[in-house]
């Protein structure tokens, strides 16, 4: 299953800052259904593309949606900063 959405980059501050793109809730509802049996500890493995950069990661469930973590290498390659709105293409599983 493939998904495409846009979202604003958010930050979670812990010992180190982490950056995420939240999925729209309506897409998250579909993904939750499509990912049955693929989840582990609530996380869902995905292959995502932002701009020209494709990467693997796992979505984190949060407040009725999922958060797509943005690796440093992805943010640097695409020039992504906090509050930027980015387009995401994503599919279930790791297949890069």
PDB file of N, CA and C in Angstrom:
ATOM      1  N   UNK A   1       0.835  -1.177   0.000  1.00  0.00           N
ATOM      2  CA  UNK A   1       0.000   0.000   0.000  1.00  0.00           C
ATOM      3  C   UNK A   1       0.880   1.240   0.000  1.00  0.00           C
ATOM      4  N   UNK A   2       0.514   2.225  -0.782  1.00  0.00           N
ATOM      5  CA  UNK A   2       1.273   3.474  -0.841  1.00  0.00           C
ATOM      6  C   UNK A   2       0.425   4.628  -0.320  1.00  0.00           C
ATOM      7  N   UNK A   3       1.115   5.593   0.240  1.00  0.00           N
ATOM      8  CA  UNK A   3       0.489   6.788   0.803  1.00  0.00           C
ATOM      9  C   UNK A   3       1.256   8.008   0.322  1.00  0.00           C
ATOM     10  N   UNK A   4       0.555   9.120   0.160  1.00  0.00           N
ATOM     11  CA  UNK A   4       1.190  10.400  -0.169  1.00  0.00           C
ATOM     12  C   UNK A   4       0.478  11.474   0.650  1.00  0.00           C
ATOM     13  N   UNK A   5       1.266  12.323   1.297  1.00  0.00           N
ATOM     14  CA  UNK A   5       0.686  13.384   2.115  1.00  0.00           C
ATOM     15  C   UNK A   5       1.703  14.500   2.305  1.00  0.00           C
ATOM     16  N   UNK A   6       1.222  15.639   2.778  1.00  0.00           N
ATOM     17  CA  UNK A   6       2.077  16.760   3.154  1.00  0.00           C
ATOM     18  C   UNK A   6       1.887  17.025   4.635  1.00  0.00           C
ATOM     19  N   UNK A   7       2.961  17.472   5.276  1.00  0.00           N
ATOM     20  CA  UNK A   7       2.867  17.797   6.692  1.00  0.00           C
ATOM     21  C   UNK A   7       3.972  18.744   7.104  1.00  0.00           C
ATOM     22  N   UNK A   8       3.732  19.468   8.190  1.00  0.00           N
ATOM     23  CA  UNK A   8       4.726  20.394   8.737  1.00  0.00           C
ATOM     24  C   UNK A   8       5.643  19.640   9.698  1.00  0.00           C
ATOM     25  N   UNK A   9       6.925  19.904   9.603  1.00  0.00           N
ATOM     26  CA  UNK A   9       7.925  19.261  10.452  1.00  0.00           C
ATOM     27  C   UNK A   9       7.777  19.773  11.885  1.00  0.00           C
ATOM     28  N   UNK A  10       7.708  18.819  12.827  1.00  0.00           N
ATOM     29  CA  UNK A  10       7.630  19.161  14.248  1.00  0.00           C
ATOM     30  C   UNK A  10       8.878  18.634  14.950  1.00  0.00           C
ATOM     31  N   UNK A  11       9.101  19.132  16.164  1.00  0.00           N
ATOM     32  CA  UNK A  11      10.283  18.731  16.936  1.00  0.00           C
ATOM     33  C   UNK A  11       9.857  18.176  18.285  1.00  0.00           C
ATOM     34  N   UNK A  12      10.513  17.120  18.700  1.00  0.00           N
ATOM     35  CA  UNK A  12      10.375  16.614  20.061  1.00  0.00           C
ATOM     36  C   UNK A  12      11.736  16.756  20.715  1.00  0.00           C
ATOM     37  N   UNK A  13      11.769  17.454  21.836  1.00  0.00           N
ATOM     38  CA  UNK A  13      13.048  17.684  22.505  1.00  0.00           C
ATOM     39  C   UNK A  13      13.213  16.717  23.657  1.00  0.00           C
ATOM     40  N   UNK A  14      14.205  15.904  23.527  1.00  0.00           N
ATOM     41  CA  UNK A  14      14.611  15.001  24.600  1.00  0.00           C
ATOM     42  C   UNK A  14      16.077  15.300  24.858  1.00  0.00           C
ATOM     43  N   UNK A  15      16.838  14.282  25.199  1.00  0.00           N
ATOM     44  CA  UNK A  15      18.281  14.490  25.340  1.00  0.00           C
ATOM     45  C   UNK A  15      18.884  15.043  24.036  1.00  0.00           C
ATOM     46  N   UNK A  16      18.303  14.635  22.914  1.00  0.00           N
ATOM     47  CA  UNK A  16      18.677  15.186  21.604  1.00  0.00           C
ATOM     48  C   UNK A  16      17.368  15.492  20.884  1.00  0.00           C
ATOM     49  N   UNK A  17      17.356  16.501  20.029  1.00  0.00           N
ATOM     50  CA  UNK A  17      16.102  16.800  19.320  1.00  0.00           C
ATOM     51  C   UNK A  17      15.805  15.745  18.251  1.00  0.00           C
ATOM     52  N   UNK A  18      14.546  15.432  18.094  1.00  0.00           N
ATOM     53  CA  UNK A  18      14.091  14.538  17.048  1.00  0.00           C
ATOM     54  C   UNK A  18      13.045  15.282  16.236  1.00  0.00           C
ATOM     55  N   UNK A  19      13.043  15.058  14.929  1.00  0.00           N
ATOM     56  CA  UNK A  19      12.123  15.737  14.025  1.00  0.00           C
ATOM     57  C   UNK A  19      11.219  14.708  13.362  1.00  0.00           C
ATOM     58  N   UNK A  20       9.954  15.088  13.206  1.00  0.00           N
ATOM     59  CA  UNK A  20       8.943  14.194  12.656  1.00  0.00           C
ATOM     60  C   UNK A  20       8.019  14.954  11.710  1.00  0.00           C
ATOM     61  N   UNK A  21       7.369  14.184  10.822  1.00  0.00           N
ATOM     62  CA  UNK A  21       6.250  14.696  10.030  1.00  0.00           C
ATOM     63  C   UNK A  21       5.031  13.870  10.433  1.00  0.00           C
ATOM     64  N   UNK A  22       4.007  14.499  11.026  1.00  0.00           N
ATOM     65  CA  UNK A  22       2.795  13.754  11.386  1.00  0.00           C
ATOM     66  C   UNK A  22       1.971  13.425  10.142  1.00  0.00           C
ATOM     67  N   UNK A  23       1.429  12.218  10.111  1.00  0.00           N
ATOM     68  CA  UNK A  23       0.497  11.835   9.048  1.00  0.00           C
ATOM     69  C   UNK A  23      -0.846  12.484   9.320  1.00  0.00           C
ATOM     70  N   UNK A  24      -1.587  12.850   8.281  1.00  0.00           N
ATOM     71  CA  UNK A  24      -2.969  13.279   8.506  1.00  0.00           C
ATOM     72  C   UNK A  24      -3.753  12.129   9.155  1.00  0.00           C
ATOM     73  N   UNK A  25      -4.642  12.458  10.064  1.00  0.00           N
ATOM     74  CA  UNK A  25      -5.384  11.444  10.823  1.00  0.00           C
ATOM     75  C   UNK A  25      -6.135  10.491   9.893  1.00  0.00           C
ATOM     76  N   UNK A  26      -6.754  11.015   8.829  1.00  0.00           N
ATOM     77  CA  UNK A  26      -7.521  10.141   7.936  1.00  0.00           C
ATOM     78  C   UNK A  26      -6.620   9.115   7.247  1.00  0.00           C
ATOM     79  N   UNK A  27      -5.392   9.493   6.882  1.00  0.00           N
ATOM     80  CA  UNK A  27      -4.442   8.539   6.302  1.00  0.00           C
ATOM     81  C   UNK A  27      -3.983   7.533   7.352  1.00  0.00           C
ATOM     82  N   UNK A  28      -3.799   7.997   8.581  1.00  0.00           N
ATOM     83  CA  UNK A  28      -3.351   7.117   9.662  1.00  0.00           C
ATOM     84  C   UNK A  28      -4.382   6.028   9.948  1.00  0.00           C
ATOM     85  N   UNK A  29      -5.663   6.372   9.839  1.00  0.00           N
ATOM     86  CA  UNK A  29      -6.710   5.375  10.057  1.00  0.00           C
ATOM     87  C   UNK A  29      -6.621   4.272   9.007  1.00  0.00           C
ATOM     88  N   UNK A  30      -6.401   4.656   7.743  1.00  0.00           N
ATOM     89  CA  UNK A  30      -6.237   3.669   6.672  1.00  0.00           C
ATOM     90  C   UNK A  30      -4.978   2.836   6.898  1.00  0.00           C
ATOM     91  N   UNK A  31      -3.887   3.500   7.261  1.00  0.00           N
ATOM     92  CA  UNK A  31      -2.624   2.801   7.469  1.00  0.00           C
ATOM     93  C   UNK A  31      -2.744   1.784   8.602  1.00  0.00           C
ATOM     94  N   UNK A  32      -3.403   2.158   9.674  1.00  0.00           N
ATOM     95  CA  UNK A  32      -3.556   1.237  10.807  1.00  0.00           C
ATOM     96  C   UNK A  32      -4.240  -0.044  10.357  1.00  0.00           C
ATOM     97  N   UNK A  33      -5.247   0.090   9.512  1.00  0.00           N
ATOM     98  CA  UNK A  33      -5.951  -1.081   8.989  1.00  0.00           C
ATOM     99  C   UNK A  33      -5.042  -1.878   8.048  1.00  0.00           C
ATOM    100  N   UNK A  34      -4.344  -1.192   7.147  1.00  0.00           N
ATOM    101  CA  UNK A  34      -3.478  -1.858   6.172  1.00  0.00           C
ATOM    102  C   UNK A  34      -2.270  -2.531   6.822  1.00  0.00           C
ATOM    103  N   UNK A  35      -1.835  -2.015   7.965  1.00  0.00           N
ATOM    104  CA  UNK A  35      -0.608  -2.504   8.609  1.00  0.00           C
ATOM    105  C   UNK A  35      -0.861  -3.612   9.630  1.00  0.00           C
ATOM    106  N   UNK A  36      -2.086  -4.071   9.746  1.00  0.00           N
ATOM    107  CA  UNK A  36      -2.361  -5.146  10.711  1.00  0.00           C
ATOM    108  C   UNK A  36      -1.449  -6.330  10.417  1.00  0.00           C
ATOM    109  N   UNK A  37      -0.785  -6.809  11.460  1.00  0.00           N
ATOM    110  CA  UNK A  37       0.145  -7.920  11.306  1.00  0.00           C
ATOM    111  C   UNK A  37       1.558  -7.486  10.965  1.00  0.00           C
ATOM    112  N   UNK A  38       1.745  -6.214  10.611  1.00  0.00           N
ATOM    113  CA  UNK A  38       3.074  -5.690  10.282  1.00  0.00           C
ATOM    114  C   UNK A  38       3.637  -4.834  11.405  1.00  0.00           C
ATOM    115  N   UNK A  39       2.809  -4.536  12.398  1.00  0.00           N
ATOM    116  CA  UNK A  39       3.234  -3.668  13.500  1.00  0.00           C
ATOM    117  C   UNK A  39       4.090  -4.450  14.489  1.00  0.00           C
ATOM    118  N   UNK A  40       5.022  -3.758  15.098  1.00  0.00           N
ATOM    119  CA  UNK A  40       5.760  -4.316  16.222  1.00  0.00           C
ATOM    120  C   UNK A  40       5.871  -3.222  17.269  1.00  0.00           C
ATOM    121  N   UNK A  41       5.369  -3.508  18.475  1.00  0.00           N
ATOM    122  CA  UNK A  41       5.303  -2.537  19.571  1.00  0.00           C
ATOM    123  C   UNK A  41       4.631  -1.241  19.135  1.00  0.00           C
ATOM    124  N   UNK A  42       3.656  -1.351  18.234  1.00  0.00           N
ATOM    125  CA  UNK A  42       2.926  -0.184  17.763  1.00  0.00           C
ATOM    126  C   UNK A  42       3.576   0.539  16.605  1.00  0.00           C
ATOM    127  N   UNK A  43       4.826   0.204  16.301  1.00  0.00           N
ATOM    128  CA  UNK A  43       5.538   0.856  15.205  1.00  0.00           C
ATOM    129  C   UNK A  43       5.272   0.114  13.901  1.00  0.00           C
ATOM    130  N   UNK A  44       5.376   0.852  12.789  1.00  0.00           N
ATOM    131  CA  UNK A  44       5.143   0.277  11.470  1.00  0.00           C
ATOM    132  C   UNK A  44       6.342   0.603  10.584  1.00  0.00           C
ATOM    133  N   UNK A  45       6.990  -0.438  10.053  1.00  0.00           N
ATOM    134  CA  UNK A  45       8.130  -0.246   9.155  1.00  0.00           C
ATOM    135  C   UNK A  45       7.648   0.315   7.815  1.00  0.00           C
ATOM    136  N   UNK A  46       8.343   1.355   7.328  1.00  0.00           N
ATOM    137  CA  UNK A  46       7.992   1.974   6.051  1.00  0.00           C
ATOM    138  C   UNK A  46       9.245   2.346   5.268  1.00  0.00           C
ATOM    139  N   UNK A  47       9.056   2.499   3.972  1.00  0.00           N
ATOM    140  CA  UNK A  47      10.044   3.107   3.092  1.00  0.00           C
ATOM    141  C   UNK A  47       9.425   4.419   2.635  1.00  0.00           C
ATOM    142  N   UNK A  48      10.105   5.519   2.905  1.00  0.00           N
ATOM    143  CA  UNK A  48       9.555   6.850   2.611  1.00  0.00           C
ATOM    144  C   UNK A  48      10.464   7.598   1.647  1.00  0.00           C
ATOM    145  N   UNK A  49       9.872   8.497   0.885  1.00  0.00           N
ATOM    146  CA  UNK A  49      10.619   9.369  -0.017  1.00  0.00           C
ATOM    147  C   UNK A  49      10.170  10.800   0.214  1.00  0.00           C
ATOM    148  N   UNK A  50      11.152  11.671   0.405  1.00  0.00           N
ATOM    149  CA  UNK A  50      10.929  13.114   0.482  1.00  0.00           C
ATOM    150  C   UNK A  50      11.882  13.728  -0.522  1.00  0.00           C
ATOM    151  N   UNK A  51      11.333  14.454  -1.491  1.00  0.00           N
ATOM    152  CA  UNK A  51      12.180  15.001  -2.551  1.00  0.00           C
ATOM    153  C   UNK A  51      12.844  13.861  -3.305  1.00  0.00           C
ATOM    154  N   UNK A  52      14.181  13.898  -3.401  1.00  0.00           N
ATOM    155  CA  UNK A  52      14.940  12.863  -4.102  1.00  0.00           C
ATOM    156  C   UNK A  52      15.518  11.826  -3.145  1.00  0.00           C
ATOM    157  N   UNK A  53      15.165  11.898  -1.874  1.00  0.00           N
ATOM    158  CA  UNK A  53      15.761  11.027  -0.860  1.00  0.00           C
ATOM    159  C   UNK A  53      14.777   9.953  -0.413  1.00  0.00           C
ATOM    160  N   UNK A  54      15.180   8.695  -0.575  1.00  0.00           N
ATOM    161  CA  UNK A  54      14.389   7.557  -0.122  1.00  0.00           C
ATOM    162  C   UNK A  54      15.099   6.927   1.065  1.00  0.00           C
ATOM    163  N   UNK A  55      14.330   6.584   2.098  1.00  0.00           N
ATOM    164  CA  UNK A  55      14.925   6.042   3.319  1.00  0.00           C
ATOM    165  C   UNK A  55      13.948   5.096   4.007  1.00  0.00           C
ATOM    166  N   UNK A  56      14.479   4.250   4.878  1.00  0.00           N
ATOM    167  CA  UNK A  56      13.646   3.352   5.666  1.00  0.00           C
ATOM    168  C   UNK A  56      13.600   3.849   7.100  1.00  0.00           C
ATOM    169  N   UNK A  57      12.475   3.602   7.743  1.00  0.00           N
ATOM    170  CA  UNK A  57      12.296   4.001   9.139  1.00  0.00           C
ATOM    171  C   UNK A  57      11.076   3.265   9.681  1.00  0.00           C
ATOM    172  N   UNK A  58      10.649   3.630  10.859  1.00  0.00           N
ATOM    173  CA  UNK A  58       9.428   3.068  11.443  1.00  0.00           C
ATOM    174  C   UNK A  58       8.578   4.207  11.983  1.00  0.00           C
ATOM    175  N   UNK A  59       7.298   4.179  11.660  1.00  0.00           N
ATOM    176  CA  UNK A  59       6.355   5.178  12.158  1.00  0.00           C
ATOM    177  C   UNK A  59       6.065   4.918  13.630  1.00  0.00           C
ATOM    178  N   UNK A  60       5.899   5.998  14.391  1.00  0.00           N
ATOM    179  CA  UNK A  60       5.534   5.916  15.797  1.00  0.00           C
ATOM    180  C   UNK A  60       4.082   6.345  15.959  1.00  0.00           C
ATOM    181  N   UNK A  61       3.253   5.565  16.660  1.00  0.00           N
ATOM    182  CA  UNK A  61       1.882   6.006  16.914  1.00  0.00           C
ATOM    183  C   UNK A  61       1.867   7.131  17.943  1.00  0.00           C
ATOM    184  N   UNK A  62       1.027   8.147  17.706  1.00  0.00           N
ATOM    185  CA  UNK A  62       0.935   9.276  18.640  1.00  0.00           C
ATOM    186  C   UNK A  62      -0.389   9.993  18.428  1.00  0.00           C
ATOM    187  N   UNK A  63      -1.200  10.073  19.453  1.00  0.00           N
ATOM    188  CA  UNK A  63      -2.438  10.861  19.451  1.00  0.00           C
ATOM    189  C   UNK A  63      -3.342  10.586  18.250  1.00  0.00           C
ATOM    190  N   UNK A  64      -3.555   9.317  17.919  1.00  0.00           N
ATOM    191  CA  UNK A  64      -4.471   8.959  16.845  1.00  0.00           C
ATOM    192  C   UNK A  64      -3.892   9.050  15.454  1.00  0.00           C
ATOM    193  N   UNK A  65      -2.601   9.301  15.345  1.00  0.00           N
ATOM    194  CA  UNK A  65      -1.948   9.331  14.046  1.00  0.00           C
ATOM    195  C   UNK A  65      -0.597   8.636  14.179  1.00  0.00           C
ATOM    196  N   UNK A  66       0.238   8.784  13.159  1.00  0.00           N
ATOM    197  CA  UNK A  66       1.602   8.258  13.200  1.00  0.00           C
ATOM    198  C   UNK A  66       2.568   9.394  12.906  1.00  0.00           C
ATOM    199  N   UNK A  67       3.748   9.307  13.504  1.00  0.00           N
ATOM    200  CA  UNK A  67       4.816  10.272  13.253  1.00  0.00           C
ATOM    201  C   UNK A  67       5.896   9.605  12.421  1.00  0.00           C
ATOM    202  N   UNK A  68       6.283  10.274  11.328  1.00  0.00           N
ATOM    203  CA  UNK A  68       7.373   9.803  10.474  1.00  0.00           C
ATOM    204  C   UNK A  68       8.663  10.467  10.940  1.00  0.00           C
ATOM    205  N   UNK A  69       9.606   9.696  11.512  1.00  0.00           N
ATOM    206  CA  UNK A  69      10.870  10.290  11.955  1.00  0.00           C
ATOM    207  C   UNK A  69      11.710  10.736  10.756  1.00  0.00           C
ATOM    208  N   UNK A  70      12.337  11.894  10.885  1.00  0.00           N
ATOM    209  CA  UNK A  70      13.216  12.410   9.835  1.00  0.00           C
ATOM    210  C   UNK A  70      14.665  12.284  10.291  1.00  0.00           C
ATOM    211  N   UNK A  71      15.400  11.409   9.631  1.00  0.00           N
ATOM    212  CA  UNK A  71      16.813  11.220   9.950  1.00  0.00           C
ATOM    213  C   UNK A  71      17.596  12.474   9.577  1.00  0.00           C
ATOM    214  N   UNK A  72      18.698  12.696  10.275  1.00  0.00           N
ATOM    215  CA  UNK A  72      19.556  13.855  10.001  1.00  0.00           C
ATOM    216  C   UNK A  72      19.991  13.860   8.541  1.00  0.00           C
ATOM    217  N   UNK A  73      20.384  12.710   8.021  1.00  0.00           N
ATOM    218  CA  UNK A  73      20.857  12.634   6.635  1.00  0.00           C
ATOM    219  C   UNK A  73      19.760  13.064   5.653  1.00  0.00           C
ATOM    220  N   UNK A  74      18.518  12.748   5.954  1.00  0.00           N
ATOM    221  CA  UNK A  74      17.392  13.146   5.097  1.00  0.00           C
ATOM    222  C   UNK A  74      17.182  14.652   5.187  1.00  0.00           C
ATOM    223  N   UNK A  75      17.172  15.180   6.408  1.00  0.00           N
ATOM    224  CA  UNK A  75      16.968  16.626   6.584  1.00  0.00           C
ATOM    225  C   UNK A  75      18.066  17.418   5.885  1.00  0.00           C
ATOM    226  N   UNK A  76      19.305  16.974   6.003  1.00  0.00           N
ATOM    227  CA  UNK A  76      20.413  17.693   5.357  1.00  0.00           C
ATOM    228  C   UNK A  76      20.329  17.598   3.841  1.00  0.00           C
ATOM    229  N   UNK A  77      20.052  16.412   3.330  1.00  0.00           N
ATOM    230  CA  UNK A  77      19.987  16.218   1.875  1.00  0.00           C
ATOM    231  C   UNK A  77      18.893  17.057   1.234  1.00  0.00           C
ATOM    232  N   UNK A  78      17.781  17.231   1.943  1.00  0.00           N
ATOM    233  CA  UNK A  78      16.633  17.949   1.388  1.00  0.00           C
ATOM    234  C   UNK A  78      16.505  19.375   1.924  1.00  0.00           C
ATOM    235  N   UNK A  79      17.421  19.805   2.796  1.00  0.00           N
ATOM    236  CA  UNK A  79      17.368  21.162   3.345  1.00  0.00           C
ATOM    237  C   UNK A  79      16.134  21.400   4.203  1.00  0.00           C
ATOM    238  N   UNK A  80      15.717  20.402   4.960  1.00  0.00           N
ATOM    239  CA  UNK A  80      14.488  20.480   5.753  1.00  0.00           C
ATOM    240  C   UNK A  80      14.771  21.087   7.122  1.00  0.00           C
ATOM    241  N   UNK A  81      13.927  22.045   7.506  1.00  0.00           N
ATOM    242  CA  UNK A  81      14.032  22.717   8.807  1.00  0.00           C
ATOM    243  C   UNK A  81      12.708  22.572   9.563  1.00  0.00           C
ATOM    244  N   UNK A  82      12.735  22.879  10.840  1.00  0.00           N
ATOM    245  CA  UNK A  82      11.544  22.875  11.678  1.00  0.00           C
ATOM    246  C   UNK A  82      10.456  23.750  11.051  1.00  0.00           C
ATOM    247  N   UNK A  83       9.233  23.293  11.053  1.00  0.00           N
ATOM    248  CA  UNK A  83       8.040  23.972  10.530  1.00  0.00           C
ATOM    249  C   UNK A  83       7.929  23.955   9.010  1.00  0.00           C
ATOM    250  N   UNK A  84       8.934  23.449   8.285  1.00  0.00           N
ATOM    251  CA  UNK A  84       8.799  23.308   6.833  1.00  0.00           C
ATOM    252  C   UNK A  84       7.657  22.342   6.538  1.00  0.00           C
ATOM    253  N   UNK A  85       6.936  22.585   5.456  1.00  0.00           N
ATOM    254  CA  UNK A  85       5.920  21.650   4.986  1.00  0.00           C
ATOM    255  C   UNK A  85       6.565  20.810   3.893  1.00  0.00           C
ATOM    256  N   UNK A  86       6.541  19.493   4.087  1.00  0.00           N
ATOM    257  CA  UNK A  86       7.191  18.596   3.135  1.00  0.00           C
ATOM    258  C   UNK A  86       6.183  17.607   2.575  1.00  0.00           C
ATOM    259  N   UNK A  87       6.425  17.194   1.344  1.00  0.00           N
ATOM    260  CA  UNK A  87       5.630  16.155   0.708  1.00  0.00           C
ATOM    261  C   UNK A  87       6.283  14.806   0.954  1.00  0.00           C
ATOM    262  N   UNK A  88       5.475  13.836   1.350  1.00  0.00           N
ATOM    263  CA  UNK A  88       5.973  12.503   1.675  1.00  0.00           C
ATOM    264  C   UNK A  88       5.269  11.475   0.805  1.00  0.00           C
ATOM    265  N   UNK A  89       6.050  10.578   0.225  1.00  0.00           N
ATOM    266  CA  UNK A  89       5.508   9.373  -0.410  1.00  0.00           C
ATOM    267  C   UNK A  89       6.010   8.212   0.435  1.00  0.00           C
ATOM    268  N   UNK A  90       5.157   7.253   0.698  1.00  0.00           N
ATOM    269  CA  UNK A  90       5.527   6.225   1.653  1.00  0.00           C
ATOM    270  C   UNK A  90       4.817   4.917   1.322  1.00  0.00           C
ATOM    271  N   UNK A  91       5.512   3.802   1.569  1.00  0.00           N
ATOM    272  CA  UNK A  91       4.897   2.485   1.413  1.00  0.00           C
ATOM    273  C   UNK A  91       5.280   1.605   2.602  1.00  0.00           C
ATOM    274  N   UNK A  92       4.453   0.636   2.882  1.00  0.00           N
ATOM    275  CA  UNK A  92       4.695  -0.261   4.005  1.00  0.00           C
ATOM    276  C   UNK A  92       5.888  -1.161   3.724  1.00  0.00           C
ATOM    277  N   UNK A  93       6.700  -1.412   4.747  1.00  0.00           N
ATOM    278  CA  UNK A  93       7.843  -2.314   4.647  1.00  0.00           C
ATOM    279  C   UNK A  93       9.126  -1.603   4.281  1.00  0.00           C
ATOM    280  N   UNK A  94      10.229  -2.333   4.464  1.00  0.00           N
ATOM    281  CA  UNK A  94      11.563  -1.821   4.116  1.00  0.00           C
ATOM    282  C   UNK A  94      12.002  -2.497   2.830  1.00  0.00           C
ATOM    283  N   UNK A  95      12.081  -1.754   1.750  1.00  0.00           N
ATOM    284  CA  UNK A  95      12.475  -2.368   0.478  1.00  0.00           C
ATOM    285  C   UNK A  95      13.414  -1.493  -0.339  1.00  0.00           C
ATOM    286  N   UNK A  96      14.249  -0.704   0.330  1.00  0.00           N
ATOM    287  CA  UNK A  96      15.202   0.150  -0.398  1.00  0.00           C
ATOM    288  C   UNK A  96      16.355  -0.698  -0.844  1.00  0.00           C
TER     289      UNK A  96
END
